[in-house]
């Protein structure tokens, strides 16, 4: 399936700073006026990262938010105890030719982060 138009360049002055999560569109916009993607017809509401941060600040300042977050987190973890254990496959090795790295490898690579 050919990629469909995802976004057309707006009129000059009608778009005030896209969210940082869509910066990857920049290359396509530099070479034309259409961004193509696998799901070009999917409607999106683009929200500026400053607005997201402002909402996060308000949510974290609300006394009820941390309790609700912790409850949801703990409920999620409790649910995972009853779920089947994750299955690992050889996909990484099949694709890359190298076995997947272990958690021990990750710790060794990030030990300075805990220092």
PDB file of N, CA and C in Angstrom:
ATOM      1  N   UNK A   1       0.843  -1.173   0.000  1.00  0.00           N
ATOM      2  CA  UNK A   1       0.000   0.000   0.000  1.00  0.00           C
ATOM      3  C   UNK A   1       0.890   1.239   0.000  1.00  0.00           C
ATOM      4  N   UNK A   2       0.658   2.146  -0.908  1.00  0.00           N
ATOM      5  CA  UNK A   2       1.443   3.373  -0.993  1.00  0.00           C
ATOM      6  C   UNK A   2       1.089   4.303   0.157  1.00  0.00           C
ATOM      7  N   UNK A   3       2.084   4.993   0.709  1.00  0.00           N
ATOM      8  CA  UNK A   3       1.782   5.937   1.778  1.00  0.00           C
ATOM      9  C   UNK A   3       0.809   7.011   1.293  1.00  0.00           C
ATOM     10  N   UNK A   4      -0.095   7.389   2.169  1.00  0.00           N
ATOM     11  CA  UNK A   4      -1.073   8.412   1.837  1.00  0.00           C
ATOM     12  C   UNK A   4      -0.635   9.747   2.409  1.00  0.00           C
ATOM     13  N   UNK A   5      -1.097  10.858   1.837  1.00  0.00           N
ATOM     14  CA  UNK A   5      -0.749  12.164   2.414  1.00  0.00           C
ATOM     15  C   UNK A   5      -1.163  12.229   3.879  1.00  0.00           C
ATOM     16  N   UNK A   6      -0.264  12.698   4.693  1.00  0.00           N
ATOM     17  CA  UNK A   6      -0.481  12.757   6.132  1.00  0.00           C
ATOM     18  C   UNK A   6      -0.798  14.182   6.562  1.00  0.00           C
ATOM     19  N   UNK A   7      -0.127  15.118   5.961  1.00  0.00           N
ATOM     20  CA  UNK A   7      -0.285  16.508   6.332  1.00  0.00           C
ATOM     21  C   UNK A   7       0.095  17.368   5.145  1.00  0.00           C
ATOM     22  N   UNK A   8      -0.662  18.374   4.905  1.00  0.00           N
ATOM     23  CA  UNK A   8      -0.288  19.348   3.885  1.00  0.00           C
ATOM     24  C   UNK A   8       0.184  20.600   4.584  1.00  0.00           C
ATOM     25  N   UNK A   9       1.206  21.238   4.028  1.00  0.00           N
ATOM     26  CA  UNK A   9       1.746  22.450   4.623  1.00  0.00           C
ATOM     27  C   UNK A   9       0.629  23.490   4.709  1.00  0.00           C
ATOM     28  N   UNK A  10       0.407  24.074   5.862  1.00  0.00           N
ATOM     29  CA  UNK A  10      -0.652  25.066   5.999  1.00  0.00           C
ATOM     30  C   UNK A  10      -0.264  26.404   5.371  1.00  0.00           C
ATOM     31  N   UNK A  11      -1.235  27.268   5.283  1.00  0.00           N
ATOM     32  CA  UNK A  11      -0.961  28.619   4.784  1.00  0.00           C
ATOM     33  C   UNK A  11       0.091  29.266   5.664  1.00  0.00           C
ATOM     34  N   UNK A  12       0.958  30.121   5.123  1.00  0.00           N
ATOM     35  CA  UNK A  12       1.951  30.818   5.956  1.00  0.00           C
ATOM     36  C   UNK A  12       1.255  31.546   7.102  1.00  0.00           C
ATOM     37  N   UNK A  13       1.823  31.389   8.289  1.00  0.00           N
ATOM     38  CA  UNK A  13       1.290  32.074   9.451  1.00  0.00           C
ATOM     39  C   UNK A  13       0.123  31.367  10.124  1.00  0.00           C
ATOM     40  N   UNK A  14      -0.344  30.238   9.583  1.00  0.00           N
ATOM     41  CA  UNK A  14      -1.507  29.587  10.186  1.00  0.00           C
ATOM     42  C   UNK A  14      -1.123  28.463  11.132  1.00  0.00           C
ATOM     43  N   UNK A  15       0.148  28.146  11.230  1.00  0.00           N
ATOM     44  CA  UNK A  15       0.591  27.046  12.072  1.00  0.00           C
ATOM     45  C   UNK A  15       1.659  27.575  13.006  1.00  0.00           C
ATOM     46  N   UNK A  16       1.411  27.549  14.278  1.00  0.00           N
ATOM     47  CA  UNK A  16       2.331  28.145  15.243  1.00  0.00           C
ATOM     48  C   UNK A  16       3.039  27.069  16.038  1.00  0.00           C
ATOM     49  N   UNK A  17       4.112  26.553  15.514  1.00  0.00           N
ATOM     50  CA  UNK A  17       4.945  25.601  16.224  1.00  0.00           C
ATOM     51  C   UNK A  17       4.316  24.245  16.444  1.00  0.00           C
ATOM     52  N   UNK A  18       4.721  23.233  15.654  1.00  0.00           N
ATOM     53  CA  UNK A  18       4.179  21.885  15.828  1.00  0.00           C
ATOM     54  C   UNK A  18       4.724  21.254  17.097  1.00  0.00           C
ATOM     55  N   UNK A  19       4.037  20.256  17.640  1.00  0.00           N
ATOM     56  CA  UNK A  19       4.578  19.530  18.788  1.00  0.00           C
ATOM     57  C   UNK A  19       5.910  18.879  18.416  1.00  0.00           C
ATOM     58  N   UNK A  20       6.790  18.770  19.387  1.00  0.00           N
ATOM     59  CA  UNK A  20       8.111  18.209  19.114  1.00  0.00           C
ATOM     60  C   UNK A  20       8.041  16.777  18.621  1.00  0.00           C
ATOM     61  N   UNK A  21       6.959  16.070  18.912  1.00  0.00           N
ATOM     62  CA  UNK A  21       6.849  14.680  18.487  1.00  0.00           C
ATOM     63  C   UNK A  21       6.675  14.534  16.982  1.00  0.00           C
ATOM     64  N   UNK A  22       6.451  15.609  16.269  1.00  0.00           N
ATOM     65  CA  UNK A  22       6.292  15.530  14.821  1.00  0.00           C
ATOM     66  C   UNK A  22       7.434  16.220  14.083  1.00  0.00           C
ATOM     67  N   UNK A  23       8.531  16.473  14.775  1.00  0.00           N
ATOM     68  CA  UNK A  23       9.684  17.093  14.138  1.00  0.00           C
ATOM     69  C   UNK A  23      10.195  16.241  12.978  1.00  0.00           C
ATOM     70  N   UNK A  24       9.952  14.936  13.045  1.00  0.00           N
ATOM     71  CA  UNK A  24      10.403  14.052  11.964  1.00  0.00           C
ATOM     72  C   UNK A  24       9.725  14.375  10.645  1.00  0.00           C
ATOM     73  N   UNK A  25       8.680  15.184  10.636  1.00  0.00           N
ATOM     74  CA  UNK A  25       8.050  15.607   9.381  1.00  0.00           C
ATOM     75  C   UNK A  25       8.907  16.629   8.650  1.00  0.00           C
ATOM     76  N   UNK A  26       9.831  17.248   9.331  1.00  0.00           N
ATOM     77  CA  UNK A  26      10.579  18.377   8.773  1.00  0.00           C
ATOM     78  C   UNK A  26      11.261  18.036   7.448  1.00  0.00           C
ATOM     79  N   UNK A  27      11.895  16.882   7.370  1.00  0.00           N
ATOM     80  CA  UNK A  27      12.593  16.520   6.132  1.00  0.00           C
ATOM     81  C   UNK A  27      11.659  16.446   4.941  1.00  0.00           C
ATOM     82  N   UNK A  28      10.487  15.853   5.129  1.00  0.00           N
ATOM     83  CA  UNK A  28       9.533  15.754   4.031  1.00  0.00           C
ATOM     84  C   UNK A  28       8.983  17.134   3.669  1.00  0.00           C
ATOM     85  N   UNK A  29       8.781  17.988   4.660  1.00  0.00           N
ATOM     86  CA  UNK A  29       8.264  19.324   4.365  1.00  0.00           C
ATOM     87  C   UNK A  29       9.310  20.182   3.652  1.00  0.00           C
ATOM     88  N   UNK A  30      10.584  19.949   3.944  1.00  0.00           N
ATOM     89  CA  UNK A  30      11.631  20.705   3.249  1.00  0.00           C
ATOM     90  C   UNK A  30      11.678  20.372   1.763  1.00  0.00           C
ATOM     91  N   UNK A  31      11.316  19.147   1.416  1.00  0.00           N
ATOM     92  CA  UNK A  31      11.406  18.726   0.014  1.00  0.00           C
ATOM     93  C   UNK A  31      10.078  18.795  -0.714  1.00  0.00           C
ATOM     94  N   UNK A  32       9.023  19.205  -0.043  1.00  0.00           N
ATOM     95  CA  UNK A  32       7.717  19.295  -0.691  1.00  0.00           C
ATOM     96  C   UNK A  32       6.693  19.869   0.254  1.00  0.00           C
ATOM     97  N   UNK A  33       5.427  19.718  -0.100  1.00  0.00           N
ATOM     98  CA  UNK A  33       4.392  20.275   0.761  1.00  0.00           C
ATOM     99  C   UNK A  33       3.449  19.210   1.319  1.00  0.00           C
ATOM    100  N   UNK A  34       3.850  17.927   1.232  1.00  0.00           N
ATOM    101  CA  UNK A  34       3.027  16.838   1.742  1.00  0.00           C
ATOM    102  C   UNK A  34       3.907  15.904   2.574  1.00  0.00           C
ATOM    103  N   UNK A  35       3.398  15.498   3.741  1.00  0.00           N
ATOM    104  CA  UNK A  35       4.054  14.484   4.562  1.00  0.00           C
ATOM    105  C   UNK A  35       3.292  13.192   4.337  1.00  0.00           C
ATOM    106  N   UNK A  36       4.023  12.110   4.054  1.00  0.00           N
ATOM    107  CA  UNK A  36       3.373  10.829   3.799  1.00  0.00           C
ATOM    108  C   UNK A  36       3.640   9.873   4.955  1.00  0.00           C
ATOM    109  N   UNK A  37       2.631   9.044   5.250  1.00  0.00           N
ATOM    110  CA  UNK A  37       2.759   8.057   6.307  1.00  0.00           C
ATOM    111  C   UNK A  37       1.811   6.914   6.055  1.00  0.00           C
ATOM    112  N   UNK A  38       1.997   5.831   6.790  1.00  0.00           N
ATOM    113  CA  UNK A  38       1.182   4.640   6.577  1.00  0.00           C
ATOM    114  C   UNK A  38      -0.296   4.891   6.845  1.00  0.00           C
ATOM    115  N   UNK A  39      -0.604   5.766   7.760  1.00  0.00           N
ATOM    116  CA  UNK A  39      -1.995   6.042   8.117  1.00  0.00           C
ATOM    117  C   UNK A  39      -2.278   7.528   7.943  1.00  0.00           C
ATOM    118  N   UNK A  40      -2.099   8.012   6.738  1.00  0.00           N
ATOM    119  CA  UNK A  40      -2.259   9.430   6.454  1.00  0.00           C
ATOM    120  C   UNK A  40      -3.640   9.975   6.708  1.00  0.00           C
ATOM    121  N   UNK A  41      -4.647   9.135   6.677  1.00  0.00           N
ATOM    122  CA  UNK A  41      -6.010   9.606   6.872  1.00  0.00           C
ATOM    123  C   UNK A  41      -6.409   9.662   8.349  1.00  0.00           C
ATOM    124  N   UNK A  42      -5.528   9.223   9.254  1.00  0.00           N
ATOM    125  CA  UNK A  42      -5.857   9.213  10.673  1.00  0.00           C
ATOM    126  C   UNK A  42      -5.915  10.653  11.189  1.00  0.00           C
ATOM    127  N   UNK A  43      -7.053  11.053  11.760  1.00  0.00           N
ATOM    128  CA  UNK A  43      -7.134  12.413  12.303  1.00  0.00           C
ATOM    129  C   UNK A  43      -6.334  12.508  13.594  1.00  0.00           C
ATOM    130  N   UNK A  44      -5.680  13.622  13.785  1.00  0.00           N
ATOM    131  CA  UNK A  44      -4.888  13.841  14.993  1.00  0.00           C
ATOM    132  C   UNK A  44      -5.178  15.222  15.542  1.00  0.00           C
ATOM    133  N   UNK A  45      -5.103  15.334  16.840  1.00  0.00           N
ATOM    134  CA  UNK A  45      -5.146  16.634  17.488  1.00  0.00           C
ATOM    135  C   UNK A  45      -3.736  16.883  18.004  1.00  0.00           C
ATOM    136  N   UNK A  46      -3.039  17.800  17.403  1.00  0.00           N
ATOM    137  CA  UNK A  46      -1.666  18.086  17.795  1.00  0.00           C
ATOM    138  C   UNK A  46      -1.676  19.030  18.984  1.00  0.00           C
ATOM    139  N   UNK A  47      -1.020  18.612  20.047  1.00  0.00           N
ATOM    140  CA  UNK A  47      -0.992  19.394  21.277  1.00  0.00           C
ATOM    141  C   UNK A  47       0.439  19.833  21.532  1.00  0.00           C
ATOM    142  N   UNK A  48       0.623  21.115  21.759  1.00  0.00           N
ATOM    143  CA  UNK A  48       1.951  21.676  22.011  1.00  0.00           C
ATOM    144  C   UNK A  48       2.498  21.125  23.323  1.00  0.00           C
ATOM    145  N   UNK A  49       3.804  20.824  23.342  1.00  0.00           N
ATOM    146  CA  UNK A  49       4.406  20.229  24.537  1.00  0.00           C
ATOM    147  C   UNK A  49       4.318  21.136  25.759  1.00  0.00           C
ATOM    148  N   UNK A  50       4.273  22.453  25.577  1.00  0.00           N
ATOM    149  CA  UNK A  50       4.119  23.368  26.715  1.00  0.00           C
ATOM    150  C   UNK A  50       2.738  23.195  27.353  1.00  0.00           C
ATOM    151  N   UNK A  51       1.717  22.956  26.511  1.00  0.00           N
ATOM    152  CA  UNK A  51       0.376  22.701  27.051  1.00  0.00           C
ATOM    153  C   UNK A  51       0.339  21.384  27.811  1.00  0.00           C
ATOM    154  N   UNK A  52       1.012  20.361  27.286  1.00  0.00           N
ATOM    155  CA  UNK A  52       1.066  19.071  27.978  1.00  0.00           C
ATOM    156  C   UNK A  52       1.746  19.240  29.336  1.00  0.00           C
ATOM    157  N   UNK A  53       2.843  19.990  29.359  1.00  0.00           N
ATOM    158  CA  UNK A  53       3.555  20.226  30.619  1.00  0.00           C
ATOM    159  C   UNK A  53       2.687  20.993  31.613  1.00  0.00           C
ATOM    160  N   UNK A  54       1.935  21.976  31.130  1.00  0.00           N
ATOM    161  CA  UNK A  54       1.072  22.756  32.019  1.00  0.00           C
ATOM    162  C   UNK A  54      -0.001  21.877  32.648  1.00  0.00           C
ATOM    163  N   UNK A  55      -0.571  20.975  31.858  1.00  0.00           N
ATOM    164  CA  UNK A  55      -1.571  20.059  32.396  1.00  0.00           C
ATOM    165  C   UNK A  55      -0.923  19.124  33.419  1.00  0.00           C
ATOM    166  N   UNK A  56       0.279  18.636  33.128  1.00  0.00           N
ATOM    167  CA  UNK A  56       0.979  17.750  34.061  1.00  0.00           C
ATOM    168  C   UNK A  56       1.241  18.458  35.393  1.00  0.00           C
ATOM    169  N   UNK A  57       1.646  19.713  35.340  1.00  0.00           N
ATOM    170  CA  UNK A  57       1.896  20.470  36.575  1.00  0.00           C
ATOM    171  C   UNK A  57       0.623  20.566  37.396  1.00  0.00           C
ATOM    172  N   UNK A  58      -0.485  20.906  36.743  1.00  0.00           N
ATOM    173  CA  UNK A  58      -1.763  21.017  37.466  1.00  0.00           C
ATOM    174  C   UNK A  58      -2.168  19.671  38.054  1.00  0.00           C
ATOM    175  N   UNK A  59      -1.992  18.599  37.285  1.00  0.00           N
ATOM    176  CA  UNK A  59      -2.383  17.269  37.763  1.00  0.00           C
ATOM    177  C   UNK A  59      -1.537  16.855  38.959  1.00  0.00           C
ATOM    178  N   UNK A  60      -0.245  17.120  38.896  1.00  0.00           N
ATOM    179  CA  UNK A  60       0.637  16.725  39.992  1.00  0.00           C
ATOM    180  C   UNK A  60       0.429  17.585  41.230  1.00  0.00           C
ATOM    181  N   UNK A  61      -0.052  18.809  41.047  1.00  0.00           N
ATOM    182  CA  UNK A  61      -0.299  19.699  42.170  1.00  0.00           C
ATOM    183  C   UNK A  61      -1.618  19.366  42.872  1.00  0.00           C
ATOM    184  N   UNK A  62      -2.491  18.655  42.195  1.00  0.00           N
ATOM    185  CA  UNK A  62      -3.786  18.266  42.752  1.00  0.00           C
ATOM    186  C   UNK A  62      -3.556  17.144  43.771  1.00  0.00           C
ATOM    187  N   UNK A  63      -4.040  17.335  44.983  1.00  0.00           N
ATOM    188  CA  UNK A  63      -3.811  16.353  46.046  1.00  0.00           C
ATOM    189  C   UNK A  63      -4.291  14.951  45.697  1.00  0.00           C
ATOM    190  N   UNK A  64      -5.360  14.827  44.912  1.00  0.00           N
ATOM    191  CA  UNK A  64      -5.902  13.513  44.597  1.00  0.00           C
ATOM    192  C   UNK A  64      -5.156  12.772  43.515  1.00  0.00           C
ATOM    193  N   UNK A  65      -4.369  13.482  42.712  1.00  0.00           N
ATOM    194  CA  UNK A  65      -3.722  12.841  41.572  1.00  0.00           C
ATOM    195  C   UNK A  65      -2.709  11.777  41.976  1.00  0.00           C
ATOM    196  N   UNK A  66      -1.743  12.086  42.878  1.00  0.00           N
ATOM    197  CA  UNK A  66      -0.751  11.033  43.198  1.00  0.00           C
ATOM    198  C   UNK A  66      -1.395   9.761  43.727  1.00  0.00           C
ATOM    199  N   UNK A  67      -2.427   9.898  44.574  1.00  0.00           N
ATOM    200  CA  UNK A  67      -3.072   8.702  45.115  1.00  0.00           C
ATOM    201  C   UNK A  67      -3.699   7.867  44.011  1.00  0.00           C
ATOM    202  N   UNK A  68      -4.404   8.526  43.087  1.00  0.00           N
ATOM    203  CA  UNK A  68      -5.053   7.805  41.989  1.00  0.00           C
ATOM    204  C   UNK A  68      -4.004   7.141  41.104  1.00  0.00           C
ATOM    205  N   UNK A  69      -2.890   7.816  40.864  1.00  0.00           N
ATOM    206  CA  UNK A  69      -1.829   7.251  40.029  1.00  0.00           C
ATOM    207  C   UNK A  69      -1.226   6.022  40.693  1.00  0.00           C
ATOM    208  N   UNK A  70      -0.914   6.134  41.973  1.00  0.00           N
ATOM    209  CA  UNK A  70      -0.298   5.009  42.685  1.00  0.00           C
ATOM    210  C   UNK A  70      -1.258   3.829  42.725  1.00  0.00           C
ATOM    211  N   UNK A  71      -2.550   4.103  42.981  1.00  0.00           N
ATOM    212  CA  UNK A  71      -3.530   3.010  42.997  1.00  0.00           C
ATOM    213  C   UNK A  71      -3.578   2.294  41.653  1.00  0.00           C
ATOM    214  N   UNK A  72      -3.617   3.064  40.567  1.00  0.00           N
ATOM    215  CA  UNK A  72      -3.669   2.459  39.232  1.00  0.00           C
ATOM    216  C   UNK A  72      -2.394   1.669  38.948  1.00  0.00           C
ATOM    217  N   UNK A  73      -1.246   2.208  39.346  1.00  0.00           N
ATOM    218  CA  UNK A  73       0.022   1.519  39.130  1.00  0.00           C
ATOM    219  C   UNK A  73       0.067   0.194  39.894  1.00  0.00           C
ATOM    220  N   UNK A  74      -0.317   0.229  41.158  1.00  0.00           N
ATOM    221  CA  UNK A  74      -0.292  -0.996  41.956  1.00  0.00           C
ATOM    222  C   UNK A  74      -1.308  -2.014  41.458  1.00  0.00           C
ATOM    223  N   UNK A  75      -2.497  -1.542  41.057  1.00  0.00           N
ATOM    224  CA  UNK A  75      -3.497  -2.455  40.490  1.00  0.00           C
ATOM    225  C   UNK A  75      -2.958  -3.114  39.223  1.00  0.00           C
ATOM    226  N   UNK A  76      -2.270  -2.334  38.394  1.00  0.00           N
ATOM    227  CA  UNK A  76      -1.691  -2.883  37.167  1.00  0.00           C
ATOM    228  C   UNK A  76      -0.648  -3.943  37.460  1.00  0.00           C
ATOM    229  N   UNK A  77       0.194  -3.670  38.436  1.00  0.00           N
ATOM    230  CA  UNK A  77       1.222  -4.656  38.795  1.00  0.00           C
ATOM    231  C   UNK A  77       0.596  -5.910  39.374  1.00  0.00           C
ATOM    232  N   UNK A  78      -0.437  -5.749  40.195  1.00  0.00           N
ATOM    233  CA  UNK A  78      -1.124  -6.916  40.759  1.00  0.00           C
ATOM    234  C   UNK A  78      -1.739  -7.750  39.637  1.00  0.00           C
ATOM    235  N   UNK A  79      -2.303  -7.094  38.643  1.00  0.00           N
ATOM    236  CA  UNK A  79      -2.875  -7.815  37.512  1.00  0.00           C
ATOM    237  C   UNK A  79      -1.822  -8.587  36.734  1.00  0.00           C
ATOM    238  N   UNK A  80      -0.620  -8.043  36.668  1.00  0.00           N
ATOM    239  CA  UNK A  80       0.460  -8.731  35.943  1.00  0.00           C
ATOM    240  C   UNK A  80       0.873 -10.019  36.650  1.00  0.00           C
ATOM    241  N   UNK A  81       0.702 -10.064  37.980  1.00  0.00           N
ATOM    242  CA  UNK A  81       1.043 -11.292  38.712  1.00  0.00           C
ATOM    243  C   UNK A  81       0.178 -12.458  38.256  1.00  0.00           C
ATOM    244  N   UNK A  82      -1.072 -12.175  37.902  1.00  0.00           N
ATOM    245  CA  UNK A  82      -1.997 -13.230  37.483  1.00  0.00           C
ATOM    246  C   UNK A  82      -1.873 -13.555  35.999  1.00  0.00           C
ATOM    247  N   UNK A  83      -1.206 -12.720  35.246  1.00  0.00           N
ATOM    248  CA  UNK A  83      -1.091 -12.915  33.797  1.00  0.00           C
ATOM    249  C   UNK A  83       0.007 -13.933  33.486  1.00  0.00           C
ATOM    250  N   UNK A  84      -0.062 -14.554  32.316  1.00  0.00           N
ATOM    251  CA  UNK A  84       1.024 -15.456  31.919  1.00  0.00           C
ATOM    252  C   UNK A  84       2.346 -14.688  31.824  1.00  0.00           C
ATOM    253  N   UNK A  85       3.425 -15.383  32.122  1.00  0.00           N
ATOM    254  CA  UNK A  85       4.748 -14.744  32.032  1.00  0.00           C
ATOM    255  C   UNK A  85       5.046 -14.381  30.587  1.00  0.00           C
ATOM    256  N   UNK A  86       5.753 -13.277  30.380  1.00  0.00           N
ATOM    257  CA  UNK A  86       6.097 -12.900  29.012  1.00  0.00           C
ATOM    258  C   UNK A  86       6.955 -13.971  28.345  1.00  0.00           C
ATOM    259  N   UNK A  87       6.763 -14.144  27.070  1.00  0.00           N
ATOM    260  CA  UNK A  87       7.525 -15.117  26.310  1.00  0.00           C
ATOM    261  C   UNK A  87       8.603 -14.371  25.533  1.00  0.00           C
ATOM    262  N   UNK A  88       9.834 -14.823  25.683  1.00  0.00           N
ATOM    263  CA  UNK A  88      10.902 -14.225  24.886  1.00  0.00           C
ATOM    264  C   UNK A  88      11.125 -15.095  23.660  1.00  0.00           C
ATOM    265  N   UNK A  89      11.527 -14.461  22.594  1.00  0.00           N
ATOM    266  CA  UNK A  89      11.745 -15.175  21.336  1.00  0.00           C
ATOM    267  C   UNK A  89      13.163 -14.903  20.857  1.00  0.00           C
ATOM    268  N   UNK A  90      13.513 -15.471  19.762  1.00  0.00           N
ATOM    269  CA  UNK A  90      14.826 -15.236  19.161  1.00  0.00           C
ATOM    270  C   UNK A  90      14.780 -14.171  18.079  1.00  0.00           C
ATOM    271  N   UNK A  91      13.740 -13.349  18.075  1.00  0.00           N
ATOM    272  CA  UNK A  91      13.557 -12.376  16.995  1.00  0.00           C
ATOM    273  C   UNK A  91      14.728 -11.411  16.874  1.00  0.00           C
ATOM    274  N   UNK A  92      15.231 -10.895  17.997  1.00  0.00           N
ATOM    275  CA  UNK A  92      16.338  -9.938  17.927  1.00  0.00           C
ATOM    276  C   UNK A  92      17.544 -10.580  17.262  1.00  0.00           C
ATOM    277  N   UNK A  93      17.870 -11.796  17.659  1.00  0.00           N
ATOM    278  CA  UNK A  93      19.007 -12.483  17.049  1.00  0.00           C
ATOM    279  C   UNK A  93      18.743 -12.795  15.576  1.00  0.00           C
ATOM    280  N   UNK A  94      17.518 -13.157  15.248  1.00  0.00           N
ATOM    281  CA  UNK A  94      17.174 -13.434  13.853  1.00  0.00           C
ATOM    282  C   UNK A  94      17.345 -12.192  12.988  1.00  0.00           C
ATOM    283  N   UNK A  95      16.901 -11.064  13.498  1.00  0.00           N
ATOM    284  CA  UNK A  95      16.957  -9.818  12.728  1.00  0.00           C
ATOM    285  C   UNK A  95      18.361  -9.237  12.685  1.00  0.00           C
ATOM    286  N   UNK A  96      19.050  -9.228  13.833  1.00  0.00           N
ATOM    287  CA  UNK A  96      20.340  -8.532  13.902  1.00  0.00           C
ATOM    288  C   UNK A  96      21.547  -9.444  13.755  1.00  0.00           C
ATOM    289  N   UNK A  97      21.349 -10.764  13.959  1.00  0.00           N
ATOM    290  CA  UNK A  97      22.479 -11.684  13.924  1.00  0.00           C
ATOM    291  C   UNK A  97      23.223 -11.745  15.249  1.00  0.00           C
ATOM    292  N   UNK A  98      22.737 -11.019  16.249  1.00  0.00           N
ATOM    293  CA  UNK A  98      23.364 -10.974  17.562  1.00  0.00           C
ATOM    294  C   UNK A  98      22.311 -11.280  18.621  1.00  0.00           C
ATOM    295  N   UNK A  99      22.643 -12.116  19.613  1.00  0.00           N
ATOM    296  CA  UNK A  99      21.657 -12.407  20.650  1.00  0.00           C
ATOM    297  C   UNK A  99      21.215 -11.131  21.377  1.00  0.00           C
ATOM    298  N   UNK A 100      19.985 -11.147  21.869  1.00  0.00           N
ATOM    299  CA  UNK A 100      19.486 -10.012  22.649  1.00  0.00           C
ATOM    300  C   UNK A 100      20.357  -9.840  23.887  1.00  0.00           C
ATOM    301  N   UNK A 101      20.546  -8.597  24.267  1.00  0.00           N
ATOM    302  CA  UNK A 101      21.319  -8.310  25.473  1.00  0.00           C
ATOM    303  C   UNK A 101      20.494  -8.676  26.704  1.00  0.00           C
ATOM    304  N   UNK A 102      21.203  -9.029  27.767  1.00  0.00           N
ATOM    305  CA  UNK A 102      20.545  -9.425  29.010  1.00  0.00           C
ATOM    306  C   UNK A 102      20.332  -8.211  29.910  1.00  0.00           C
ATOM    307  N   UNK A 103      19.552  -8.411  30.960  1.00  0.00           N
ATOM    308  CA  UNK A 103      19.389  -7.348  31.943  1.00  0.00           C
ATOM    309  C   UNK A 103      20.736  -7.028  32.581  1.00  0.00           C
ATOM    310  N   UNK A 104      21.566  -8.058  32.786  1.00  0.00           N
ATOM    311  CA  UNK A 104      22.917  -7.835  33.336  1.00  0.00           C
ATOM    312  C   UNK A 104      23.706  -6.896  32.426  1.00  0.00           C
ATOM    313  N   UNK A 105      23.584  -7.081  31.100  1.00  0.00           N
ATOM    314  CA  UNK A 105      24.244  -6.180  30.145  1.00  0.00           C
ATOM    315  C   UNK A 105      23.741  -4.757  30.319  1.00  0.00           C
ATOM    316  N   UNK A 106      22.418  -4.611  30.462  1.00  0.00           N
ATOM    317  CA  UNK A 106      21.832  -3.282  30.612  1.00  0.00           C
ATOM    318  C   UNK A 106      22.366  -2.602  31.868  1.00  0.00           C
ATOM    319  N   UNK A 107      22.415  -3.361  32.961  1.00  0.00           N
ATOM    320  CA  UNK A 107      22.925  -2.798  34.213  1.00  0.00           C
ATOM    321  C   UNK A 107      24.363  -2.342  34.040  1.00  0.00           C
ATOM    322  N   UNK A 108      25.191  -3.170  33.408  1.00  0.00           N
ATOM    323  CA  UNK A 108      26.592  -2.795  33.192  1.00  0.00           C
ATOM    324  C   UNK A 108      26.699  -1.522  32.344  1.00  0.00           C
ATOM    325  N   UNK A 109      25.836  -1.405  31.338  1.00  0.00           N
ATOM    326  CA  UNK A 109      25.861  -0.221  30.475  1.00  0.00           C
ATOM    327  C   UNK A 109      25.384   1.043  31.189  1.00  0.00           C
ATOM    328  N   UNK A 110      24.560   0.883  32.242  1.00  0.00           N
ATOM    329  CA  UNK A 110      23.956   2.039  32.906  1.00  0.00           C
ATOM    330  C   UNK A 110      24.361   2.212  34.359  1.00  0.00           C
ATOM    331  N   UNK A 111      25.390   1.511  34.799  1.00  0.00           N
ATOM    332  CA  UNK A 111      25.780   1.549  36.197  1.00  0.00           C
ATOM    333  C   UNK A 111      26.093   2.974  36.667  1.00  0.00           C
ATOM    334  N   UNK A 112      26.636   3.798  35.792  1.00  0.00           N
ATOM    335  CA  UNK A 112      26.961   5.183  36.166  1.00  0.00           C
ATOM    336  C   UNK A 112      25.709   5.993  36.454  1.00  0.00           C
ATOM    337  N   UNK A 113      24.590   5.611  35.881  1.00  0.00           N
ATOM    338  CA  UNK A 113      23.339   6.318  36.135  1.00  0.00           C
ATOM    339  C   UNK A 113      22.884   6.182  37.582  1.00  0.00           C
ATOM    340  N   UNK A 114      23.404   5.180  38.288  1.00  0.00           N
ATOM    341  CA  UNK A 114      22.990   4.924  39.653  1.00  0.00           C
ATOM    342  C   UNK A 114      24.036   5.353  40.662  1.00  0.00           C
ATOM    343  N   UNK A 115      25.108   6.007  40.191  1.00  0.00           N
ATOM    344  CA  UNK A 115      26.252   6.281  40.977  1.00  0.00           C
ATOM    345  C   UNK A 115      26.350   7.400  41.829  1.00  0.00           C
TER     346      UNK A 115
END
